[in-house]
PDB file of N, CA and C in Angstrom:
ATOM      1  N   MET A   1      91.181 116.845  96.682  1.00  0.00           N
ATOM      2  CA  MET A   1      92.483 117.870  96.033  1.00  0.00           C
ATOM      3  C   MET A   1      93.097 116.097  95.453  1.00  0.00           C
ATOM      4  N   ILE A   2      93.851 116.639  94.515  1.00  0.00           N
ATOM      5  CA  ILE A   2      94.764 115.826  93.995  1.00  0.00           C
ATOM      6  C   ILE A   2      96.257 115.820  94.254  1.00  0.00           C
ATOM      7  N   ILE A   3      96.796 114.538  94.719  1.00  0.00           N
ATOM      8  CA  ILE A   3      98.198 114.949  95.434  1.00  0.00           C
ATOM      9  C   ILE A   3      98.840 114.168  94.196  1.00  0.00           C
ATOM     10  N   ALA A   4      99.398 114.425  93.473  1.00  0.00           N
ATOM     11  CA  ALA A   4     100.711 113.992  92.348  1.00  0.00           C
ATOM     12  C   ALA A   4     101.878 113.639  92.808  1.00  0.00           C
ATOM     13  N   ASP A   5     102.192 112.329  92.854  1.00  0.00           N
ATOM     14  CA  ASP A   5     103.380 111.536  93.005  1.00  0.00           C
ATOM     15  C   ASP A   5     104.658 112.596  92.772  1.00  0.00           C
ATOM     16  N   GLU A   6     105.885 112.327  93.486  1.00  0.00           N
ATOM     17  CA  GLU A   6     107.271 112.894  92.672  1.00  0.00           C
ATOM     18  C   GLU A   6     107.350 112.188  91.339  1.00  0.00           C
ATOM     19  N   CYS A   7     107.207 110.937  91.684  1.00  0.00           N
ATOM     20  CA  CYS A   7     107.632 110.093  90.327  1.00  0.00           C
ATOM     21  C   CYS A   7     106.540 110.343  88.943  1.00  0.00           C
ATOM     22  N   LEU A   8     105.315 110.971  89.077  1.00  0.00           N
ATOM     23  CA  LEU A   8     104.267 110.936  88.174  1.00  0.00           C
ATOM     24  C   LEU A   8     105.004 111.736  87.080  1.00  0.00           C
ATOM     25  N   ASP A   9     104.697 111.489  85.703  1.00  0.00           N
ATOM     26  CA  ASP A   9     105.057 112.258  84.625  1.00  0.00           C
ATOM     27  C   ASP A   9     104.474 113.934  84.800  1.00  0.00           C
ATOM     28  N   ALA A  10     105.284 114.331  84.599  1.00  0.00           N
ATOM     29  CA  ALA A  10     104.703 115.838  84.594  1.00  0.00           C
ATOM     30  C   ALA A  10     103.735 116.211  83.520  1.00  0.00           C
ATOM     31  N   GLY A  11     103.655 115.309  82.716  1.00  0.00           N
ATOM     32  CA  GLY A  11     102.396 115.567  81.268  1.00  0.00           C
ATOM     33  C   GLY A  11     101.109 115.227  81.792  1.00  0.00           C
ATOM     34  N   VAL A  12     101.062 114.194  82.871  1.00  0.00           N
ATOM     35  CA  VAL A  12     100.158 113.873  83.720  1.00  0.00           C
ATOM     36  C   VAL A  12      99.127 114.971  84.504  1.00  0.00           C
ATOM     37  N   THR A  13     100.278 115.344  85.453  1.00  0.00           N
ATOM     38  CA  THR A  13     100.150 116.718  86.333  1.00  0.00           C
ATOM     39  C   THR A  13      99.360 117.710  85.551  1.00  0.00           C
ATOM     40  N   ALA A  14     100.188 118.141  84.379  1.00  0.00           N
ATOM     41  CA  ALA A  14      99.460 119.263  83.679  1.00  0.00           C
ATOM     42  C   ALA A  14      98.337 119.213  82.991  1.00  0.00           C
ATOM     43  N   ILE A  15      97.766 117.635  82.283  1.00  0.00           N
ATOM     44  CA  ILE A  15      96.495 117.604  81.901  1.00  0.00           C
ATOM     45  C   ILE A  15      95.503 117.149  83.074  1.00  0.00           C
ATOM     46  N   ILE A  16      95.642 116.824  84.422  1.00  0.00           N
ATOM     47  CA  ILE A  16      94.809 116.792  85.163  1.00  0.00           C
ATOM     48  C   ILE A  16      94.362 118.612  85.890  1.00  0.00           C
ATOM     49  N   ARG A  17      95.761 118.921  85.749  1.00  0.00           N
ATOM     50  CA  ARG A  17      95.310 120.721  86.611  1.00  0.00           C
ATOM     51  C   ARG A  17      94.357 121.133  85.107  1.00  0.00           C
ATOM     52  N   ASN A  18      94.826 120.783  83.834  1.00  0.00           N
ATOM     53  CA  ASN A  18      94.193 121.756  82.774  1.00  0.00           C
ATOM     54  C   ASN A  18      92.412 121.071  82.541  1.00  0.00           C
ATOM     55  N   ALA A  19      92.326 119.690  83.023  1.00  0.00           N
ATOM     56  CA  ALA A  19      91.032 119.613  83.526  1.00  0.00           C
ATOM     57  C   ALA A  19      90.075 120.336  84.545  1.00  0.00           C
ATOM     58  N   GLY A  20      90.937 121.228  85.259  1.00  0.00           N
ATOM     59  CA  GLY A  20      90.163 121.814  85.861  1.00  0.00           C
ATOM     60  C   GLY A  20      90.216 121.300  87.721  1.00  0.00           C
ATOM     61  N   TYR A  21      90.998 120.203  88.002  1.00  0.00           N
ATOM     62  CA  TYR A  21      91.526 119.973  89.738  1.00  0.00           C
ATOM     63  C   TYR A  21      92.436 120.291  90.081  1.00  0.00           C
ATOM     64  N   GLU A  22      92.272 120.749  91.375  1.00  0.00           N
ATOM     65  CA  GLU A  22      93.620 121.159  92.315  1.00  0.00           C
ATOM     66  C   GLU A  22      94.414 120.229  92.794  1.00  0.00           C
ATOM     67  N   VAL A  23      95.919 120.343  92.079  1.00  0.00           N
ATOM     68  CA  VAL A  23      96.595 119.307  92.400  1.00  0.00           C
ATOM     69  C   VAL A  23      97.746 120.011  93.101  1.00  0.00           C
ATOM     70  N   LEU A  24      98.268 119.254  94.164  1.00  0.00           N
ATOM     71  CA  LEU A  24      99.148 119.472  95.147  1.00  0.00           C
ATOM     72  C   LEU A  24     100.494 118.509  94.265  1.00  0.00           C
ATOM     73  N   SER A  25     101.649 119.061  93.994  1.00  0.00           N
ATOM     74  CA  SER A  25     102.573 118.167  93.601  1.00  0.00           C
ATOM     75  C   SER A  25     103.874 118.259  94.288  1.00  0.00           C
ATOM     76  N   ILE A  26     104.319 116.693  94.767  1.00  0.00           N
ATOM     77  CA  ILE A  26     104.856 116.329  95.633  1.00  0.00           C
ATOM     78  C   ILE A  26     106.056 117.169  95.306  1.00  0.00           C
ATOM     79  N   GLN A  27     106.624 116.648  93.747  1.00  0.00           N
ATOM     80  CA  GLN A  27     108.047 117.408  93.669  1.00  0.00           C
ATOM     81  C   GLN A  27     108.388 118.928  93.555  1.00  0.00           C
ATOM     82  N   GLU A  28     107.102 119.778  93.236  1.00  0.00           N
ATOM     83  CA  GLU A  28     107.099 121.064  93.726  1.00  0.00           C
ATOM     84  C   GLU A  28     106.700 121.436  95.295  1.00  0.00           C
ATOM     85  N   ARG A  29     106.253 120.822  95.806  1.00  0.00           N
ATOM     86  CA  ARG A  29     106.511 121.337  97.234  1.00  0.00           C
ATOM     87  C   ARG A  29     106.918 120.230  98.451  1.00  0.00           C
ATOM     88  N   TYR A  30     107.218 119.316  98.482  1.00  0.00           N
ATOM     89  CA  TYR A  30     107.671 117.910  99.106  1.00  0.00           C
ATOM     90  C   TYR A  30     108.736 116.901  98.838  1.00  0.00           C
ATOM     91  N   SER A  31     109.894 117.592  97.888  1.00  0.00           N
ATOM     92  CA  SER A  31     110.684 116.847  97.290  1.00  0.00           C
ATOM     93  C   SER A  31     111.196 115.947  98.170  1.00  0.00           C
ATOM     94  N   GLY A  32     112.018 115.186  97.766  1.00  0.00           N
ATOM     95  CA  GLY A  32     112.281 113.911  98.548  1.00  0.00           C
ATOM     96  C   GLY A  32     111.783 113.302  99.814  1.00  0.00           C
ATOM     97  N   PHE A  33     110.298 113.539 100.052  1.00  0.00           N
ATOM     98  CA  PHE A  33     109.634 112.899 101.084  1.00  0.00           C
ATOM     99  C   PHE A  33     109.434 111.435 100.809  1.00  0.00           C
ATOM    100  N   VAL A  34     109.758 110.839 101.599  1.00  0.00           N
ATOM    101  CA  VAL A  34     109.412 109.417 101.275  1.00  0.00           C
ATOM    102  C   VAL A  34     108.248 108.990 101.267  1.00  0.00           C
ATOM    103  N   ASP A  35     107.680 107.965 100.891  1.00  0.00           N
ATOM    104  CA  ASP A  35     106.280 107.341 100.782  1.00  0.00           C
ATOM    105  C   ASP A  35     105.445 107.405 101.537  1.00  0.00           C
ATOM    106  N   THR A  36     106.220 107.084 103.166  1.00  0.00           N
ATOM    107  CA  THR A  36     105.247 107.206 104.086  1.00  0.00           C
ATOM    108  C   THR A  36     104.738 108.072 104.559  1.00  0.00           C
ATOM    109  N   ASP A  37     105.868 109.444 104.598  1.00  0.00           N
ATOM    110  CA  ASP A  37     105.502 110.768 104.404  1.00  0.00           C
ATOM    111  C   ASP A  37     104.624 111.421 103.408  1.00  0.00           C
ATOM    112  N   ILE A  38     104.563 110.801 102.731  1.00  0.00           N
ATOM    113  CA  ILE A  38     103.476 111.210 101.226  1.00  0.00           C
ATOM    114  C   ILE A  38     102.263 110.571 101.090  1.00  0.00           C
ATOM    115  N   LEU A  39     101.977 109.904 101.959  1.00  0.00           N
ATOM    116  CA  LEU A  39     100.795 109.251 102.607  1.00  0.00           C
ATOM    117  C   LEU A  39     100.491 110.001 103.536  1.00  0.00           C
ATOM    118  N   ASP A  40     101.197 110.798 104.155  1.00  0.00           N
ATOM    119  CA  ASP A  40     100.475 111.441 105.516  1.00  0.00           C
ATOM    120  C   ASP A  40     100.297 112.713 104.707  1.00  0.00           C
ATOM    121  N   VAL A  41     100.672 113.380 103.993  1.00  0.00           N
ATOM    122  CA  VAL A  41     100.167 114.611 102.929  1.00  0.00           C
ATOM    123  C   VAL A  41      98.654 114.039 102.251  1.00  0.00           C
ATOM    124  N   VAL A  42      98.792 112.748 101.840  1.00  0.00           N
ATOM    125  CA  VAL A  42      97.370 112.416 101.033  1.00  0.00           C
ATOM    126  C   VAL A  42      96.207 112.599 102.480  1.00  0.00           C
ATOM    127  N   LYS A  43      96.798 112.106 103.573  1.00  0.00           N
ATOM    128  CA  LYS A  43      95.809 111.904 104.588  1.00  0.00           C
ATOM    129  C   LYS A  43      95.584 113.471 104.815  1.00  0.00           C
ATOM    130  N   THR A  44      96.218 114.135 105.387  1.00  0.00           N
ATOM    131  CA  THR A  44      96.015 115.591 105.821  1.00  0.00           C
ATOM    132  C   THR A  44      95.623 116.530 105.106  1.00  0.00           C
ATOM    133  N   TYR A  45      95.503 116.298 103.294  1.00  0.00           N
ATOM    134  CA  TYR A  45      94.741 117.096 102.788  1.00  0.00           C
ATOM    135  C   TYR A  45      93.583 116.304 102.075  1.00  0.00           C
ATOM    136  N   ARG A  46      93.102 115.232 102.637  1.00  0.00           N
ATOM    137  CA  ARG A  46      92.199 114.503 102.398  1.00  0.00           C
ATOM    138  C   ARG A  46      92.353 114.087 101.085  1.00  0.00           C
ATOM    139  N   GLY A  47      93.061 114.357 100.155  1.00  0.00           N
ATOM    140  CA  GLY A  47      93.205 114.125  98.907  1.00  0.00           C
ATOM    141  C   GLY A  47      93.205 112.714  98.084  1.00  0.00           C
ATOM    142  N   THR A  48      93.606 112.834  96.916  1.00  0.00           N
ATOM    143  CA  THR A  48      94.128 111.150  96.114  1.00  0.00           C
ATOM    144  C   THR A  48      95.314 111.232  95.444  1.00  0.00           C
ATOM    145  N   LEU A  49      95.858 110.321  96.016  1.00  0.00           N
ATOM    146  CA  LEU A  49      97.397 110.464  95.223  1.00  0.00           C
ATOM    147  C   LEU A  49      97.500 109.669  93.825  1.00  0.00           C
ATOM    148  N   ILE A  50      98.048 110.315  92.907  1.00  0.00           N
ATOM    149  CA  ILE A  50      98.031 109.844  91.552  1.00  0.00           C
ATOM    150  C   ILE A  50      99.908 109.367  91.620  1.00  0.00           C
ATOM    151  N   THR A  51      99.871 108.365  91.358  1.00  0.00           N
ATOM    152  CA  THR A  51     100.987 107.565  91.399  1.00  0.00           C
ATOM    153  C   THR A  51     101.703 106.968  90.439  1.00  0.00           C
ATOM    154  N   GLU A  52     102.692 106.607  90.186  1.00  0.00           N
ATOM    155  CA  GLU A  52     103.414 105.452  89.143  1.00  0.00           C
ATOM    156  C   GLU A  52     103.950 104.404  90.136  1.00  0.00           C
ATOM    157  N   ASP A  53     104.180 104.649  91.023  1.00  0.00           N
ATOM    158  CA  ASP A  53     105.012 103.770  92.356  1.00  0.00           C
ATOM    159  C   ASP A  53     104.025 102.598  92.890  1.00  0.00           C
ATOM    160  N   LYS A  54     104.675 101.630  92.390  1.00  0.00           N
ATOM    161  CA  LYS A  54     104.297 100.130  92.912  1.00  0.00           C
ATOM    162  C   LYS A  54     104.328 100.166  94.626  1.00  0.00           C
ATOM    163  N   ASP A  55     105.020 101.176  94.974  1.00  0.00           N
ATOM    164  CA  ASP A  55     105.299 100.748  96.398  1.00  0.00           C
ATOM    165  C   ASP A  55     104.070 101.070  97.389  1.00  0.00           C
ATOM    166  N   PHE A  56     103.401 101.740  97.023  1.00  0.00           N
ATOM    167  CA  PHE A  56     102.107 102.330  97.280  1.00  0.00           C
ATOM    168  C   PHE A  56     101.383 101.400  97.710  1.00  0.00           C
ATOM    169  N   GLY A  57     101.139 100.121  96.894  1.00  0.00           N
ATOM    170  CA  GLY A  57      99.952  98.872  97.051  1.00  0.00           C
ATOM    171  C   GLY A  57     100.791  98.508  97.926  1.00  0.00           C
ATOM    172  N   GLU A  58     102.095  98.126  97.838  1.00  0.00           N
ATOM    173  CA  GLU A  58     102.515  97.459  99.195  1.00  0.00           C
ATOM    174  C   GLU A  58     102.074  98.362 100.591  1.00  0.00           C
ATOM    175  N   LEU A  59     102.535  99.268 100.651  1.00  0.00           N
ATOM    176  CA  LEU A  59     101.999  99.966 101.971  1.00  0.00           C
ATOM    177  C   LEU A  59     100.432  99.911 102.120  1.00  0.00           C
ATOM    178  N   VAL A  60      99.888 100.167 101.510  1.00  0.00           N
ATOM    179  CA  VAL A  60      98.279 100.312 101.544  1.00  0.00           C
ATOM    180  C   VAL A  60      97.995  98.391 101.773  1.00  0.00           C
ATOM    181  N   PHE A  61      97.844  97.635 100.879  1.00  0.00           N
ATOM    182  CA  PHE A  61      97.768  96.112 101.370  1.00  0.00           C
ATOM    183  C   PHE A  61      98.706  95.340 102.466  1.00  0.00           C
ATOM    184  N   ALA A  62      99.741  95.541 102.554  1.00  0.00           N
ATOM    185  CA  ALA A  62     100.466  94.769 103.092  1.00  0.00           C
ATOM    186  C   ALA A  62     100.952  95.229 104.057  1.00  0.00           C
ATOM    187  N   TYR A  63     101.322  96.630 104.450  1.00  0.00           N
ATOM    188  CA  TYR A  63     101.270  96.881 105.518  1.00  0.00           C
ATOM    189  C   TYR A  63     100.040  97.733 106.403  1.00  0.00           C
ATOM    190  N   GLY A  64      99.153  97.482 105.498  1.00  0.00           N
ATOM    191  CA  GLY A  64      97.740  98.341 106.391  1.00  0.00           C
ATOM    192  C   GLY A  64      97.651  99.827 106.440  1.00  0.00           C
ATOM    193  N   TYR A  65      98.078 100.507 105.175  1.00  0.00           N
ATOM    194  CA  TYR A  65      98.344 102.105 105.893  1.00  0.00           C
ATOM    195  C   TYR A  65      96.546 102.260 105.578  1.00  0.00           C
ATOM    196  N   LYS A  66      96.207 103.046 106.396  1.00  0.00           N
ATOM    197  CA  LYS A  66      94.404 103.385 106.073  1.00  0.00           C
ATOM    198  C   LYS A  66      94.398 104.603 105.875  1.00  0.00           C
ATOM    199  N   ASP A  67      93.004 105.023 105.514  1.00  0.00           N
ATOM    200  CA  ASP A  67      92.153 106.285 105.311  1.00  0.00           C
ATOM    201  C   ASP A  67      93.178 106.896 104.141  1.00  0.00           C
ATOM    202  N   VAL A  68      93.563 106.501 102.679  1.00  0.00           N
ATOM    203  CA  VAL A  68      93.928 107.176 101.932  1.00  0.00           C
ATOM    204  C   VAL A  68      93.486 106.535 100.675  1.00  0.00           C
ATOM    205  N   SER A  69      93.515 107.314  99.429  1.00  0.00           N
ATOM    206  CA  SER A  69      93.132 107.022  98.215  1.00  0.00           C
ATOM    207  C   SER A  69      94.166 106.872  97.242  1.00  0.00           C
ATOM    208  N   VAL A  70      94.267 105.769  96.450  1.00  0.00           N
ATOM    209  CA  VAL A  70      95.141 106.135  95.710  1.00  0.00           C
ATOM    210  C   VAL A  70      94.863 105.479  94.239  1.00  0.00           C
ATOM    211  N   ILE A  71      95.866 106.056  92.783  1.00  0.00           N
ATOM    212  CA  ILE A  71      95.373 105.829  91.966  1.00  0.00           C
ATOM    213  C   ILE A  71      96.797 105.301  91.289  1.00  0.00           C
ATOM    214  N   PHE A  72      96.741 104.082  91.183  1.00  0.00           N
ATOM    215  CA  PHE A  72      98.568 103.473  90.413  1.00  0.00           C
ATOM    216  C   PHE A  72      98.270 103.606  88.637  1.00  0.00           C
ATOM    217  N   LEU A  73      98.877 103.900  88.346  1.00  0.00           N
ATOM    218  CA  LEU A  73      98.996 104.308  86.708  1.00  0.00           C
ATOM    219  C   LEU A  73     100.360 103.179  86.024  1.00  0.00           C
ATOM    220  N   ARG A  74      99.851 102.645  85.197  1.00  0.00           N
ATOM    221  CA  ARG A  74     100.456 101.133  84.425  1.00  0.00           C
ATOM    222  C   ARG A  74     100.410 101.850  83.158  1.00  0.00           C
ATOM    223  N   TYR A  75     101.369 102.083  82.401  1.00  0.00           N
ATOM    224  CA  TYR A  75     100.857 102.306  80.847  1.00  0.00           C
ATOM    225  C   TYR A  75     102.519 102.810  80.400  1.00  0.00           C
ATOM    226  N   ASP A  76     102.609 102.330  79.150  1.00  0.00           N
ATOM    227  CA  ASP A  76     103.724 102.467  78.170  1.00  0.00           C
ATOM    228  C   ASP A  76     103.383 103.749  77.259  1.00  0.00           C
ATOM    229  N   LYS A  77     104.355 104.312  76.613  1.00  0.00           N
ATOM    230  CA  LYS A  77     104.381 105.273  75.653  1.00  0.00           C
ATOM    231  C   LYS A  77     103.069 105.303  74.764  1.00  0.00           C
ATOM    232  N   GLU A  78     103.149 104.492  74.177  1.00  0.00           N
ATOM    233  CA  GLU A  78     101.795 103.754  73.476  1.00  0.00           C
ATOM    234  C   GLU A  78     100.312 103.970  73.683  1.00  0.00           C
ATOM    235  N   SER A  79     100.169 103.549  75.444  1.00  0.00           N
ATOM    236  CA  SER A  79      98.756 103.739  75.808  1.00  0.00           C
ATOM    237  C   SER A  79      98.648 105.060  76.655  1.00  0.00           C
ATOM    238  N   PHE A  80      99.465 105.658  76.734  1.00  0.00           N
ATOM    239  CA  PHE A  80      99.306 107.043  77.605  1.00  0.00           C
ATOM    240  C   PHE A  80      98.133 107.844  77.265  1.00  0.00           C
ATOM    241  N   SER A  81      97.762 107.864  76.182  1.00  0.00           N
ATOM    242  CA  SER A  81      96.517 108.814  76.251  1.00  0.00           C
ATOM    243  C   SER A  81      95.490 108.133  76.316  1.00  0.00           C
ATOM    244  N   ASP A  82      95.362 106.858  76.275  1.00  0.00           N
ATOM    245  CA  ASP A  82      94.044 105.948  76.638  1.00  0.00           C
ATOM    246  C   ASP A  82      94.113 105.920  78.440  1.00  0.00           C
ATOM    247  N   VAL A  83      95.103 105.347  78.999  1.00  0.00           N
ATOM    248  CA  VAL A  83      95.172 105.796  80.291  1.00  0.00           C
ATOM    249  C   VAL A  83      94.775 107.622  80.985  1.00  0.00           C
ATOM    250  N   ILE A  84      95.334 108.065  80.137  1.00  0.00           N
ATOM    251  CA  ILE A  84      95.005 109.720  81.128  1.00  0.00           C
ATOM    252  C   ILE A  84      93.118 109.885  80.701  1.00  0.00           C
ATOM    253  N   SER A  85      92.927 109.469  79.591  1.00  0.00           N
ATOM    254  CA  SER A  85      91.673 109.392  79.703  1.00  0.00           C
ATOM    255  C   SER A  85      90.715 108.661  80.940  1.00  0.00           C
ATOM    256  N   LYS A  86      91.180 107.423  80.996  1.00  0.00           N
ATOM    257  CA  LYS A  86      90.599 106.717  82.062  1.00  0.00           C
ATOM    258  C   LYS A  86      91.080 107.531  83.351  1.00  0.00           C
ATOM    259  N   VAL A  87      92.024 107.736  83.867  1.00  0.00           N
ATOM    260  CA  VAL A  87      92.717 108.955  85.140  1.00  0.00           C
ATOM    261  C   VAL A  87      91.159 109.683  85.045  1.00  0.00           C
ATOM    262  N   LEU A  88      90.866 110.684  83.731  1.00  0.00           N
ATOM    263  CA  LEU A  88      89.923 111.717  83.939  1.00  0.00           C
ATOM    264  C   LEU A  88      88.516 111.360  84.748  1.00  0.00           C
ATOM    265  N   ASP A  89      88.165 110.177  83.949  1.00  0.00           N
ATOM    266  CA  ASP A  89      87.110 109.632  84.270  1.00  0.00           C
ATOM    267  C   ASP A  89      86.937 109.167  85.669  1.00  0.00           C
ATOM    268  N   VAL A  90      87.957 108.487  85.790  1.00  0.00           N
ATOM    269  CA  VAL A  90      87.732 107.798  87.730  1.00  0.00           C
ATOM    270  C   VAL A  90      87.955 109.088  88.435  1.00  0.00           C
ATOM    271  N   LEU A  91      88.520 110.150  87.990  1.00  0.00           N
ATOM    272  CA  LEU A  91      88.611 111.194  88.830  1.00  0.00           C
ATOM    273  C   LEU A  91      86.834 111.730  88.899  1.00  0.00           C
ATOM    274  N   LYS A  92      86.473 111.666  88.422  1.00  0.00           N
ATOM    275  CA  LYS A  92      84.810 112.479  87.874  1.00  0.00           C
ATOM    276  C   LYS A  92      84.124 111.272  88.966  1.00  0.00           C
ATOM    277  N   GLU A  93      84.312 110.293  88.890  1.00  0.00           N
ATOM    278  CA  GLU A  93      83.666 109.391  89.770  1.00  0.00           C
ATOM    279  C   GLU A  93      83.834 109.285  91.059  1.00  0.00           C
ATOM    280  N   LEU A  94      85.087 109.285  91.285  1.00  0.00           N
ATOM    281  CA  LEU A  94      85.947 109.549  92.938  1.00  0.00           C
ATOM    282  C   LEU A  94      85.490 110.738  93.695  1.00  0.00           C
ATOM    283  N   LYS A  95      85.061 111.658  92.816  1.00  0.00           N
ATOM    284  CA  LYS A  95      84.517 112.993  93.233  1.00  0.00           C
ATOM    285  C   LYS A  95      83.279 112.868  94.256  1.00  0.00           C
ATOM    286  N   LYS A  96      82.598 111.932  94.040  1.00  0.00           N
ATOM    287  CA  LYS A  96      81.364 111.794  94.360  1.00  0.00           C
ATOM    288  C   LYS A  96      81.360 110.557  95.665  1.00  0.00           C
ATOM    289  N   GLU A  97      82.361 110.003  95.542  1.00  0.00           N
ATOM    290  CA  GLU A  97      82.484 108.822  96.485  1.00  0.00           C
ATOM    291  C   GLU A  97      83.202 109.553  97.934  1.00  0.00           C
ATOM    292  N   THR A  98      83.151 108.998  99.000  1.00  0.00           N
ATOM    293  CA  THR A  98      83.356 109.125 100.602  1.00  0.00           C
ATOM    294  C   THR A  98      84.232 107.969 101.010  1.00  0.00           C
ATOM    295  N   ALA A  99      84.437 106.795 100.601  1.00  0.00           N
ATOM    296  CA  ALA A  99      85.047 105.674 100.593  1.00  0.00           C
ATOM    297  C   ALA A  99      86.503 105.813 100.174  1.00  0.00           C
ATOM    298  N   HIS A 100      87.366 105.464 100.531  1.00  0.00           N
ATOM    299  CA  HIS A 100      88.902 105.334 100.224  1.00  0.00           C
ATOM    300  C   HIS A 100      88.796 104.326  99.327  1.00  0.00           C
ATOM    301  N   LYS A 101      89.886 104.258  98.373  1.00  0.00           N
ATOM    302  CA  LYS A 101      90.009 103.358  97.224  1.00  0.00           C
ATOM    303  C   LYS A 101      91.485 103.234  96.652  1.00  0.00           C
ATOM    304  N   PHE A 102      91.414 102.172  95.900  1.00  0.00           N
ATOM    305  CA  PHE A 102      92.869 101.949  95.237  1.00  0.00           C
ATOM    306  C   PHE A 102      92.406 101.614  93.664  1.00  0.00           C
ATOM    307  N   VAL A 103      93.187 102.345  93.390  1.00  0.00           N
ATOM    308  CA  VAL A 103      92.430 102.282  91.966  1.00  0.00           C
ATOM    309  C   VAL A 103      93.847 102.051  90.896  1.00  0.00           C
ATOM    310  N   THR A 104      93.758 100.799  90.161  1.00  0.00           N
ATOM    311  CA  THR A 104      94.832 100.469  89.079  1.00  0.00           C
ATOM    312  C   THR A 104      94.382 100.984  87.841  1.00  0.00           C
ATOM    313  N   ILE A 105      95.043 101.409  86.812  1.00  0.00           N
ATOM    314  CA  ILE A 105      94.739 102.246  85.816  1.00  0.00           C
ATOM    315  C   ILE A 105      95.443 101.424  84.708  1.00  0.00           C
ATOM    316  N   THR A 106      95.450 100.489  83.631  1.00  0.00           N
ATOM    317  CA  THR A 106      95.894 100.344  82.862  1.00  0.00           C
ATOM    318  C   THR A 106      95.567 100.245  81.484  1.00  0.00           C
ATOM    319  N   LYS A 107      95.864 100.219  80.426  1.00  0.00           N
ATOM    320  CA  LYS A 107      95.393 100.766  78.835  1.00  0.00           C
ATOM    321  C   LYS A 107      94.178  99.726  79.245  1.00  0.00           C
ATOM    322  N   ARG A 108      94.364  98.408  79.064  1.00  0.00           N
ATOM    323  CA  ARG A 108      92.834  97.767  79.051  1.00  0.00           C
ATOM    324  C   ARG A 108      92.057  97.548  80.243  1.00  0.00           C
ATOM    325  N   LYS A 109      92.699  98.010  81.471  1.00  0.00           N
ATOM    326  CA  LYS A 109      91.227  98.132  82.226  1.00  0.00           C
ATOM    327  C   LYS A 109      91.463  99.016  83.430  1.00  0.00           C
ATOM    328  N   VAL A 110      90.287  99.208  84.026  1.00  0.00           N
ATOM    329  CA  VAL A 110      90.250  99.891  85.445  1.00  0.00           C
ATOM    330  C   VAL A 110      89.980  98.893  86.607  1.00  0.00           C
ATOM    331  N   ARG A 111      90.886  98.619  87.777  1.00  0.00           N
ATOM    332  CA  ARG A 111      90.548  97.962  89.117  1.00  0.00           C
ATOM    333  C   ARG A 111      90.094  98.947  89.991  1.00  0.00           C
ATOM    334  N   ILE A 112      88.975  98.799  90.788  1.00  0.00           N
ATOM    335  CA  ILE A 112      89.196  99.800  91.882  1.00  0.00           C
ATOM    336  C   ILE A 112      88.799  98.779  93.538  1.00  0.00           C
ATOM    337  N   ARG A 113      89.482  99.090  94.127  1.00  0.00           N
ATOM    338  CA  ARG A 113      89.204  97.916  95.079  1.00  0.00           C
ATOM    339  C   ARG A 113      88.889  99.066  96.087  1.00  0.00           C
ATOM    340  N   GLU A 114      88.094  98.887  96.961  1.00  0.00           N
ATOM    341  CA  GLU A 114      87.730  99.946  98.728  1.00  0.00           C
ATOM    342  C   GLU A 114      88.499  99.034  99.367  1.00  0.00           C
ATOM    343  N   LEU A 115      89.020 100.420 100.111  1.00  0.00           N
ATOM    344  CA  LEU A 115      89.906  99.896 101.506  1.00  0.00           C
ATOM    345  C   LEU A 115      89.064 100.120 102.512  1.00  0.00           C
TER     346      LEU A 115
END
């Protein structure tokens, strides 16, 4: 399951849903949750969080939050379609994986770190 962070652009959520993925939207279901509570939701559903909030990187790497997968998006309006295309490619690959990952997607690259 894909967990769409509250700050995630609604267009991203819609595109992922239209691609056939089951998406739980934090904004629709758990509005106002703090980041650690969101990571608990990700753990509970064994999902992958998609976010534009860099604080999740800090929680995972600096504070050692475990057993979650996160896709962190960095883009501007001009690179939106490039980034979304990469998101869909990464989601296909992550479906096959069992290990937890932290993925950063920008217009120019995809960086995948195993957690």
